Amino acid sequence: MTIRPIVRYPDPRLALPAQPVTVFDDALRELATDLTQTMHAAPGIGITAPHIGISLRVVVLDLDPIDGARTYVNPEIIWESDEMILHQEGSVSMPGVNDDVQRHARVRISYHDLHGNPQAEESAGLRAVCHQHEIDQLNGLFWIKRLSRLKRERLIKRFEKVSRGS
């Protein structure tokens, strides 16, 4: 169990699609534990293996203090609602800045648990936004690419200023 270094924007690895997990073993479960600890230390509510420089399709979300962190292996969106919502997003790879992103209000995903068992989940609101955000990341689409060019350029300038100040 280790807190791993987080890959920072504009590292080119954040723009690469992650590879599917094919082996469900102790190393995968250790990676999920490390992701959870790294996410909590950041702090954040979601993280992917690419955020720590590992090109695997693994997501950890921690949105519920009762249920705790959940791990999604090889998640894919299989349905999305027509209804859209605007939600503020950010990234552990770009700390200190955020902006509103338009997303589907509800989604259904398929994924595997840490033992390789197929699962499905339908979500709404924040969890749906997080699923879309993190699956985008697994596909090599960093969240700021969902912003207009002008908003993205302003956000990058703000991030550079925040980064210099720290």
N, C-alpha and C. Protein backbone atom coordinates (compact mmCIF):
# COMPACT_ATOMS: atom_id res chain seq x y z
N MET A 1 0.85 -1.19 0.00
CA MET A 1 0.00 0.00 0.00
C MET A 1 0.88 1.24 0.00
N THR A 2 0.77 1.99 -1.09
CA THR A 2 1.66 3.11 -1.31
C THR A 2 0.90 4.28 -1.93
N ILE A 3 1.23 5.49 -1.49
CA ILE A 3 0.76 6.68 -2.18
C ILE A 3 1.73 6.92 -3.33
N ARG A 4 1.20 6.91 -4.54
CA ARG A 4 2.03 7.02 -5.73
C ARG A 4 2.07 8.46 -6.23
N PRO A 5 3.17 8.82 -6.93
CA PRO A 5 3.22 10.16 -7.55
C PRO A 5 2.15 10.28 -8.64
N ILE A 6 1.53 11.44 -8.71
CA ILE A 6 0.49 11.70 -9.70
C ILE A 6 1.10 12.37 -10.91
N VAL A 7 0.74 11.88 -12.09
CA VAL A 7 1.16 12.46 -13.36
C VAL A 7 0.45 13.81 -13.50
N ARG A 8 1.19 14.85 -13.78
CA ARG A 8 0.63 16.20 -13.89
C ARG A 8 0.42 16.63 -15.33
N TYR A 9 -0.68 17.36 -15.56
CA TYR A 9 -0.91 17.98 -16.84
C TYR A 9 0.25 18.93 -17.12
N PRO A 10 0.81 18.99 -18.33
CA PRO A 10 0.38 18.42 -19.60
C PRO A 10 1.11 17.13 -20.01
N ASP A 11 1.45 16.28 -19.09
CA ASP A 11 2.15 15.03 -19.41
C ASP A 11 1.43 14.30 -20.54
N PRO A 12 2.14 13.95 -21.61
CA PRO A 12 1.50 13.31 -22.77
C PRO A 12 0.85 11.96 -22.46
N ARG A 13 1.23 11.31 -21.37
CA ARG A 13 0.61 10.02 -21.02
C ARG A 13 -0.87 10.17 -20.71
N LEU A 14 -1.28 11.39 -20.31
CA LEU A 14 -2.69 11.62 -20.01
C LEU A 14 -3.56 11.61 -21.28
N ALA A 15 -2.93 11.71 -22.45
CA ALA A 15 -3.66 11.71 -23.72
C ALA A 15 -3.64 10.35 -24.41
N LEU A 16 -3.13 9.33 -23.74
CA LEU A 16 -3.05 8.00 -24.34
C LEU A 16 -4.17 7.10 -23.83
N PRO A 17 -4.81 6.34 -24.73
CA PRO A 17 -5.82 5.38 -24.26
C PRO A 17 -5.16 4.30 -23.40
N ALA A 18 -5.83 3.93 -22.32
CA ALA A 18 -5.32 2.89 -21.43
C ALA A 18 -5.66 1.52 -21.98
N GLN A 19 -4.86 0.54 -21.59
CA GLN A 19 -5.03 -0.84 -22.05
C GLN A 19 -6.00 -1.60 -21.13
N PRO A 20 -6.77 -2.52 -21.72
CA PRO A 20 -7.68 -3.32 -20.88
C PRO A 20 -6.90 -4.21 -19.91
N VAL A 21 -7.48 -4.41 -18.75
CA VAL A 21 -6.93 -5.35 -17.77
C VAL A 21 -7.30 -6.75 -18.23
N THR A 22 -6.32 -7.65 -18.24
CA THR A 22 -6.59 -9.04 -18.66
C THR A 22 -6.29 -10.03 -17.54
N VAL A 23 -5.56 -9.59 -16.52
CA VAL A 23 -5.19 -10.47 -15.41
C VAL A 23 -5.75 -9.87 -14.11
N PHE A 24 -6.57 -10.65 -13.43
CA PHE A 24 -7.20 -10.20 -12.19
C PHE A 24 -6.51 -10.94 -11.04
N ASP A 25 -5.47 -10.31 -10.49
CA ASP A 25 -4.63 -10.98 -9.49
C ASP A 25 -4.34 -10.04 -8.32
N ASP A 26 -3.44 -10.48 -7.45
CA ASP A 26 -3.09 -9.66 -6.29
C ASP A 26 -2.46 -8.34 -6.69
N ALA A 27 -1.71 -8.33 -7.79
CA ALA A 27 -1.09 -7.08 -8.25
C ALA A 27 -2.17 -6.05 -8.63
N LEU A 28 -3.26 -6.50 -9.24
CA LEU A 28 -4.36 -5.60 -9.58
C LEU A 28 -5.02 -5.07 -8.31
N ARG A 29 -5.24 -5.94 -7.34
CA ARG A 29 -5.86 -5.50 -6.08
C ARG A 29 -4.94 -4.53 -5.33
N GLU A 30 -3.63 -4.75 -5.41
CA GLU A 30 -2.68 -3.81 -4.80
C GLU A 30 -2.72 -2.46 -5.51
N LEU A 31 -2.81 -2.49 -6.84
CA LEU A 31 -2.93 -1.25 -7.61
C LEU A 31 -4.18 -0.49 -7.17
N ALA A 32 -5.31 -1.18 -6.99
CA ALA A 32 -6.54 -0.52 -6.56
C ALA A 32 -6.38 0.12 -5.18
N THR A 33 -5.69 -0.56 -4.28
CA THR A 33 -5.43 -0.02 -2.95
C THR A 33 -4.55 1.22 -3.05
N ASP A 34 -3.50 1.15 -3.86
CA ASP A 34 -2.61 2.30 -4.05
C ASP A 34 -3.36 3.48 -4.66
N LEU A 35 -4.23 3.19 -5.64
CA LEU A 35 -5.03 4.26 -6.25
C LEU A 35 -5.92 4.92 -5.21
N THR A 36 -6.55 4.12 -4.36
CA THR A 36 -7.43 4.68 -3.33
C THR A 36 -6.64 5.58 -2.38
N GLN A 37 -5.50 5.10 -1.92
CA GLN A 37 -4.69 5.91 -0.99
C GLN A 37 -4.17 7.17 -1.66
N THR A 38 -3.74 7.06 -2.91
CA THR A 38 -3.23 8.21 -3.64
C THR A 38 -4.34 9.24 -3.85
N MET A 39 -5.54 8.77 -4.20
CA MET A 39 -6.69 9.65 -4.41
C MET A 39 -7.04 10.39 -3.11
N HIS A 40 -7.06 9.67 -1.99
CA HIS A 40 -7.39 10.32 -0.72
C HIS A 40 -6.33 11.35 -0.33
N ALA A 41 -5.07 11.05 -0.62
CA ALA A 41 -3.97 11.97 -0.28
C ALA A 41 -3.98 13.21 -1.16
N ALA A 42 -4.54 13.12 -2.37
CA ALA A 42 -4.44 14.22 -3.35
C ALA A 42 -4.99 15.56 -2.87
N PRO A 43 -6.17 15.74 -2.33
CA PRO A 43 -7.28 14.80 -2.21
C PRO A 43 -8.14 14.86 -3.47
N GLY A 44 -8.91 13.79 -3.68
CA GLY A 44 -9.82 13.72 -4.82
C GLY A 44 -10.94 12.73 -4.54
N ILE A 45 -11.90 12.67 -5.48
CA ILE A 45 -13.01 11.72 -5.35
C ILE A 45 -12.95 10.65 -6.43
N GLY A 46 -12.03 10.81 -7.39
CA GLY A 46 -11.87 9.83 -8.45
C GLY A 46 -10.45 9.84 -8.97
N ILE A 47 -10.00 8.67 -9.43
CA ILE A 47 -8.65 8.54 -9.97
C ILE A 47 -8.62 7.34 -10.92
N THR A 48 -7.73 7.40 -11.89
CA THR A 48 -7.52 6.28 -12.80
C THR A 48 -6.07 5.84 -12.72
N ALA A 49 -5.81 4.63 -13.19
CA ALA A 49 -4.42 4.15 -13.24
C ALA A 49 -3.54 5.09 -14.09
N PRO A 50 -4.02 5.62 -15.23
CA PRO A 50 -3.18 6.56 -15.98
C PRO A 50 -2.77 7.81 -15.17
N HIS A 51 -3.57 8.19 -14.17
CA HIS A 51 -3.19 9.34 -13.34
C HIS A 51 -1.90 9.08 -12.57
N ILE A 52 -1.54 7.81 -12.39
CA ILE A 52 -0.28 7.49 -11.71
C ILE A 52 0.71 6.84 -12.69
N GLY A 53 0.45 7.04 -13.99
CA GLY A 53 1.40 6.59 -15.00
C GLY A 53 1.30 5.13 -15.40
N ILE A 54 0.19 4.48 -15.05
CA ILE A 54 0.01 3.07 -15.39
C ILE A 54 -1.12 2.97 -16.42
N SER A 55 -0.81 2.46 -17.59
CA SER A 55 -1.77 2.43 -18.69
C SER A 55 -2.69 1.22 -18.61
N LEU A 56 -3.53 1.21 -17.58
CA LEU A 56 -4.53 0.15 -17.43
C LEU A 56 -5.90 0.79 -17.16
N ARG A 57 -6.96 0.12 -17.60
CA ARG A 57 -8.32 0.62 -17.46
C ARG A 57 -8.87 0.30 -16.07
N VAL A 58 -8.40 1.08 -15.09
CA VAL A 58 -8.83 0.91 -13.70
C VAL A 58 -9.23 2.28 -13.16
N VAL A 59 -10.40 2.34 -12.54
CA VAL A 59 -10.93 3.57 -11.94
C VAL A 59 -11.28 3.30 -10.49
N VAL A 60 -10.99 4.25 -9.62
CA VAL A 60 -11.47 4.21 -8.24
C VAL A 60 -12.26 5.49 -8.00
N LEU A 61 -13.47 5.34 -7.47
CA LEU A 61 -14.30 6.48 -7.07
C LEU A 61 -14.64 6.33 -5.60
N ASP A 62 -14.62 7.45 -4.89
CA ASP A 62 -15.04 7.44 -3.49
C ASP A 62 -16.01 8.60 -3.29
N LEU A 63 -17.31 8.28 -3.42
CA LEU A 63 -18.34 9.32 -3.39
C LEU A 63 -19.30 9.17 -2.23
N ASP A 64 -19.17 8.09 -1.47
CA ASP A 64 -20.12 7.79 -0.41
C ASP A 64 -19.38 7.39 0.86
N PRO A 65 -19.51 8.19 1.93
CA PRO A 65 -18.77 7.88 3.16
C PRO A 65 -19.18 6.54 3.78
N ILE A 66 -20.36 6.05 3.47
CA ILE A 66 -20.81 4.77 4.04
C ILE A 66 -20.27 3.61 3.21
N ASP A 67 -20.47 3.66 1.91
CA ASP A 67 -20.01 2.58 1.02
C ASP A 67 -18.50 2.60 0.82
N GLY A 68 -17.90 3.77 0.88
CA GLY A 68 -16.46 3.89 0.66
C GLY A 68 -16.09 3.80 -0.80
N ALA A 69 -14.80 3.60 -1.06
CA ALA A 69 -14.28 3.59 -2.42
C ALA A 69 -14.74 2.36 -3.18
N ARG A 70 -15.01 2.56 -4.47
CA ARG A 70 -15.38 1.46 -5.36
C ARG A 70 -14.39 1.42 -6.51
N THR A 71 -14.01 0.22 -6.91
CA THR A 71 -13.08 0.04 -8.03
C THR A 71 -13.83 -0.53 -9.23
N TYR A 72 -13.55 0.06 -10.39
CA TYR A 72 -14.16 -0.35 -11.65
C TYR A 72 -13.04 -0.73 -12.61
N VAL A 73 -13.04 -1.97 -13.06
CA VAL A 73 -12.01 -2.46 -13.97
C VAL A 73 -12.64 -2.59 -15.37
N ASN A 74 -11.96 -2.03 -16.36
CA ASN A 74 -12.43 -2.05 -17.76
C ASN A 74 -13.85 -1.47 -17.91
N PRO A 75 -14.13 -0.32 -17.28
CA PRO A 75 -15.49 0.23 -17.39
C PRO A 75 -15.76 0.78 -18.80
N GLU A 76 -17.00 0.60 -19.23
CA GLU A 76 -17.47 1.13 -20.51
C GLU A 76 -18.88 1.67 -20.31
N ILE A 77 -19.19 2.78 -20.95
CA ILE A 77 -20.55 3.32 -20.92
C ILE A 77 -21.36 2.54 -21.95
N ILE A 78 -22.47 1.96 -21.50
CA ILE A 78 -23.31 1.18 -22.42
C ILE A 78 -24.64 1.87 -22.71
N TRP A 79 -24.96 2.92 -21.95
CA TRP A 79 -26.17 3.70 -22.18
C TRP A 79 -25.98 5.06 -21.52
N GLU A 80 -26.54 6.08 -22.17
CA GLU A 80 -26.53 7.42 -21.58
C GLU A 80 -27.86 8.10 -21.86
N SER A 81 -28.33 8.87 -20.89
CA SER A 81 -29.61 9.56 -21.02
C SER A 81 -29.48 10.70 -22.02
N ASP A 82 -30.61 11.13 -22.53
CA ASP A 82 -30.63 12.31 -23.40
C ASP A 82 -30.47 13.57 -22.56
N GLU A 83 -30.95 13.53 -21.32
CA GLU A 83 -30.88 14.69 -20.43
C GLU A 83 -29.42 14.99 -20.08
N MET A 84 -29.09 16.25 -20.11
CA MET A 84 -27.72 16.69 -19.82
C MET A 84 -27.72 17.54 -18.55
N ILE A 85 -26.59 17.54 -17.85
CA ILE A 85 -26.41 18.39 -16.67
C ILE A 85 -25.05 19.08 -16.77
N LEU A 86 -24.94 20.20 -16.10
CA LEU A 86 -23.68 20.93 -16.01
C LEU A 86 -23.11 20.68 -14.62
N HIS A 87 -21.86 20.26 -14.56
CA HIS A 87 -21.26 19.95 -13.26
C HIS A 87 -19.82 20.44 -13.24
N GLN A 88 -19.39 20.96 -12.09
CA GLN A 88 -18.01 21.42 -11.95
C GLN A 88 -17.07 20.23 -11.85
N GLU A 89 -16.01 20.24 -12.67
CA GLU A 89 -15.05 19.15 -12.70
C GLU A 89 -13.64 19.70 -12.53
N GLY A 90 -12.75 18.81 -12.11
CA GLY A 90 -11.33 19.10 -11.97
C GLY A 90 -10.58 17.79 -12.07
N SER A 91 -9.30 17.79 -11.74
CA SER A 91 -8.52 16.56 -11.84
C SER A 91 -7.37 16.57 -10.84
N VAL A 92 -7.06 15.37 -10.33
CA VAL A 92 -5.89 15.23 -9.46
C VAL A 92 -4.61 15.54 -10.24
N SER A 93 -4.68 15.48 -11.58
CA SER A 93 -3.52 15.79 -12.42
C SER A 93 -3.42 17.27 -12.76
N MET A 94 -4.43 18.04 -12.35
CA MET A 94 -4.45 19.48 -12.61
C MET A 94 -5.05 20.18 -11.40
N PRO A 95 -4.40 20.03 -10.22
CA PRO A 95 -5.01 20.55 -8.99
C PRO A 95 -5.11 22.07 -8.96
N GLY A 96 -6.15 22.53 -8.28
CA GLY A 96 -6.29 23.97 -8.05
C GLY A 96 -7.17 24.68 -9.05
N VAL A 97 -7.63 23.98 -10.10
CA VAL A 97 -8.52 24.61 -11.08
C VAL A 97 -9.67 23.67 -11.38
N ASN A 98 -10.81 24.26 -11.76
CA ASN A 98 -11.96 23.47 -12.18
C ASN A 98 -12.85 24.34 -13.06
N ASP A 99 -13.79 23.68 -13.72
CA ASP A 99 -14.73 24.40 -14.58
C ASP A 99 -15.96 23.52 -14.80
N ASP A 100 -17.02 24.14 -15.29
CA ASP A 100 -18.26 23.41 -15.55
C ASP A 100 -18.16 22.66 -16.87
N VAL A 101 -18.58 21.40 -16.84
CA VAL A 101 -18.58 20.54 -18.02
C VAL A 101 -19.98 19.96 -18.17
N GLN A 102 -20.46 19.92 -19.41
CA GLN A 102 -21.77 19.34 -19.67
C GLN A 102 -21.62 17.82 -19.87
N ARG A 103 -22.46 17.07 -19.15
CA ARG A 103 -22.42 15.60 -19.19
C ARG A 103 -23.85 15.06 -19.22
N HIS A 104 -23.97 13.78 -19.55
CA HIS A 104 -25.25 13.10 -19.48
C HIS A 104 -25.66 12.97 -18.01
N ALA A 105 -26.93 13.19 -17.73
CA ALA A 105 -27.42 13.17 -16.35
C ALA A 105 -27.40 11.76 -15.75
N ARG A 106 -27.59 10.74 -16.61
CA ARG A 106 -27.59 9.35 -16.15
C ARG A 106 -26.82 8.50 -17.15
N VAL A 107 -26.13 7.50 -16.64
CA VAL A 107 -25.42 6.55 -17.50
C VAL A 107 -25.54 5.14 -16.91
N ARG A 108 -25.35 4.16 -17.78
CA ARG A 108 -25.22 2.78 -17.34
C ARG A 108 -23.86 2.32 -17.83
N ILE A 109 -23.10 1.68 -16.94
CA ILE A 109 -21.79 1.18 -17.32
C ILE A 109 -21.71 -0.32 -17.11
N SER A 110 -20.85 -0.95 -17.89
CA SER A 110 -20.47 -2.33 -17.61
C SER A 110 -19.02 -2.27 -17.17
N TYR A 111 -18.63 -3.17 -16.30
CA TYR A 111 -17.26 -3.20 -15.79
C TYR A 111 -17.01 -4.56 -15.15
N HIS A 112 -15.80 -4.77 -14.68
CA HIS A 112 -15.48 -5.97 -13.91
C HIS A 112 -15.05 -5.54 -12.51
N ASP A 113 -15.32 -6.40 -11.54
CA ASP A 113 -14.80 -6.15 -10.20
C ASP A 113 -13.35 -6.64 -10.14
N LEU A 114 -12.74 -6.54 -8.99
CA LEU A 114 -11.32 -6.88 -8.85
C LEU A 114 -11.04 -8.38 -9.00
N HIS A 115 -12.10 -9.18 -9.04
CA HIS A 115 -11.92 -10.62 -9.22
C HIS A 115 -12.27 -11.07 -10.63
N GLY A 116 -12.60 -10.09 -11.50
CA GLY A 116 -12.90 -10.40 -12.90
C GLY A 116 -14.35 -10.70 -13.17
N ASN A 117 -15.23 -10.53 -12.18
CA ASN A 117 -16.66 -10.79 -12.37
C ASN A 117 -17.32 -9.62 -13.09
N PRO A 118 -18.08 -9.91 -14.16
CA PRO A 118 -18.78 -8.83 -14.87
C PRO A 118 -19.85 -8.19 -13.99
N GLN A 119 -19.95 -6.88 -14.09
CA GLN A 119 -20.90 -6.10 -13.29
C GLN A 119 -21.52 -5.03 -14.19
N ALA A 120 -22.61 -4.46 -13.72
CA ALA A 120 -23.23 -3.31 -14.38
C ALA A 120 -23.74 -2.37 -13.30
N GLU A 121 -23.80 -1.10 -13.64
CA GLU A 121 -24.27 -0.10 -12.67
C GLU A 121 -24.91 1.05 -13.43
N GLU A 122 -26.06 1.47 -12.95
CA GLU A 122 -26.68 2.68 -13.48
C GLU A 122 -26.51 3.77 -12.43
N SER A 123 -26.17 4.96 -12.89
CA SER A 123 -25.93 6.04 -11.94
C SER A 123 -26.50 7.35 -12.48
N ALA A 124 -26.66 8.28 -11.55
CA ALA A 124 -27.18 9.61 -11.88
C ALA A 124 -26.38 10.65 -11.12
N GLY A 125 -26.49 11.89 -11.55
CA GLY A 125 -25.86 13.00 -10.83
C GLY A 125 -24.35 12.89 -10.77
N LEU A 126 -23.79 13.12 -9.58
CA LEU A 126 -22.34 13.15 -9.42
C LEU A 126 -21.68 11.84 -9.84
N ARG A 127 -22.24 10.70 -9.46
CA ARG A 127 -21.62 9.42 -9.84
C ARG A 127 -21.61 9.27 -11.36
N ALA A 128 -22.69 9.65 -12.03
CA ALA A 128 -22.74 9.57 -13.50
C ALA A 128 -21.69 10.49 -14.12
N VAL A 129 -21.55 11.69 -13.58
CA VAL A 129 -20.53 12.62 -14.06
C VAL A 129 -19.14 12.01 -13.88
N CYS A 130 -18.88 11.44 -12.71
CA CYS A 130 -17.57 10.85 -12.44
C CYS A 130 -17.28 9.67 -13.37
N HIS A 131 -18.28 8.82 -13.61
CA HIS A 131 -18.06 7.72 -14.54
C HIS A 131 -17.64 8.24 -15.92
N GLN A 132 -18.35 9.25 -16.40
CA GLN A 132 -18.03 9.80 -17.72
C GLN A 132 -16.65 10.44 -17.73
N HIS A 133 -16.35 11.20 -16.70
CA HIS A 133 -15.06 11.89 -16.58
C HIS A 133 -13.90 10.88 -16.58
N GLU A 134 -14.00 9.85 -15.74
CA GLU A 134 -12.90 8.89 -15.61
C GLU A 134 -12.79 7.96 -16.83
N ILE A 135 -13.91 7.60 -17.43
CA ILE A 135 -13.85 6.78 -18.64
C ILE A 135 -13.27 7.59 -19.79
N ASP A 136 -13.59 8.89 -19.86
CA ASP A 136 -12.91 9.76 -20.83
C ASP A 136 -11.40 9.67 -20.63
N GLN A 137 -10.96 9.77 -19.37
CA GLN A 137 -9.52 9.72 -19.07
C GLN A 137 -8.93 8.39 -19.54
N LEU A 138 -9.62 7.30 -19.30
CA LEU A 138 -9.13 5.99 -19.75
C LEU A 138 -9.02 5.94 -21.28
N ASN A 139 -9.86 6.72 -21.96
CA ASN A 139 -9.82 6.77 -23.42
C ASN A 139 -8.83 7.80 -23.95
N GLY A 140 -8.09 8.45 -23.05
CA GLY A 140 -7.09 9.45 -23.45
C GLY A 140 -7.66 10.84 -23.68
N LEU A 141 -8.87 11.07 -23.19
CA LEU A 141 -9.50 12.38 -23.34
C LEU A 141 -9.49 13.10 -21.99
N PHE A 142 -8.51 13.99 -21.80
CA PHE A 142 -8.41 14.75 -20.55
C PHE A 142 -9.59 15.70 -20.48
N TRP A 143 -10.15 15.89 -19.30
CA TRP A 143 -11.42 16.59 -19.11
C TRP A 143 -11.47 17.97 -19.73
N ILE A 144 -10.37 18.69 -19.79
CA ILE A 144 -10.41 20.06 -20.33
C ILE A 144 -10.70 20.07 -21.83
N LYS A 145 -10.55 18.92 -22.49
CA LYS A 145 -10.89 18.84 -23.92
C LYS A 145 -12.40 18.96 -24.13
N ARG A 146 -13.18 18.82 -23.08
CA ARG A 146 -14.64 18.99 -23.15
C ARG A 146 -15.04 20.47 -23.08
N LEU A 147 -14.08 21.35 -22.81
CA LEU A 147 -14.34 22.78 -22.73
C LEU A 147 -14.12 23.43 -24.09
N SER A 148 -14.71 24.62 -24.28
CA SER A 148 -14.43 25.38 -25.51
C SER A 148 -12.95 25.76 -25.51
N ARG A 149 -12.42 26.05 -26.68
CA ARG A 149 -11.01 26.41 -26.78
C ARG A 149 -10.68 27.60 -25.88
N LEU A 150 -11.53 28.61 -25.87
CA LEU A 150 -11.28 29.80 -25.05
C LEU A 150 -11.27 29.45 -23.56
N LYS A 151 -12.28 28.70 -23.09
CA LYS A 151 -12.32 28.30 -21.68
C LYS A 151 -11.11 27.44 -21.32
N ARG A 152 -10.73 26.54 -22.24
CA ARG A 152 -9.58 25.66 -21.99
C ARG A 152 -8.29 26.47 -21.87
N GLU A 153 -8.09 27.42 -22.76
CA GLU A 153 -6.87 28.25 -22.71
C GLU A 153 -6.83 29.07 -21.42
N ARG A 154 -7.96 29.63 -21.00
CA ARG A 154 -8.01 30.39 -19.75
C ARG A 154 -7.70 29.50 -18.55
N LEU A 155 -8.26 28.30 -18.56
CA LEU A 155 -8.04 27.35 -17.46
C LEU A 155 -6.57 26.94 -17.38
N ILE A 156 -5.95 26.69 -18.53
CA ILE A 156 -4.53 26.31 -18.55
C ILE A 156 -3.68 27.45 -17.99
N LYS A 157 -3.98 28.68 -18.37
CA LYS A 157 -3.24 29.83 -17.83
C LYS A 157 -3.41 29.92 -16.31
N ARG A 158 -4.65 29.69 -15.84
CA ARG A 158 -4.92 29.72 -14.40
C ARG A 158 -4.14 28.61 -13.70
N PHE A 159 -4.10 27.42 -14.30
CA PHE A 159 -3.36 26.29 -13.72
C PHE A 159 -1.87 26.61 -13.66
N GLU A 160 -1.32 27.20 -14.72
CA GLU A 160 0.10 27.57 -14.72
C GLU A 160 0.40 28.57 -13.62
N LYS A 161 -0.51 29.53 -13.42
CA LYS A 161 -0.33 30.53 -12.37
C LYS A 161 -0.40 29.88 -11.00
N VAL A 162 -1.38 29.00 -10.79
CA VAL A 162 -1.52 28.29 -9.51
C VAL A 162 -0.30 27.43 -9.25
N SER A 163 0.19 26.74 -10.29
CA SER A 163 1.36 25.86 -10.15
C SER A 163 2.63 26.63 -9.79
N ARG A 164 2.78 27.81 -10.38
CA ARG A 164 3.95 28.65 -10.05
C ARG A 164 3.89 29.13 -8.60
N GLY A 165 2.66 29.38 -8.14
CA GLY A 165 2.47 29.91 -6.78
C GLY A 165 2.69 28.87 -5.70
N SER A 166 2.67 27.56 -6.07
CA SER A 166 2.83 26.54 -5.03
C SER A 166 4.25 26.14 -4.81
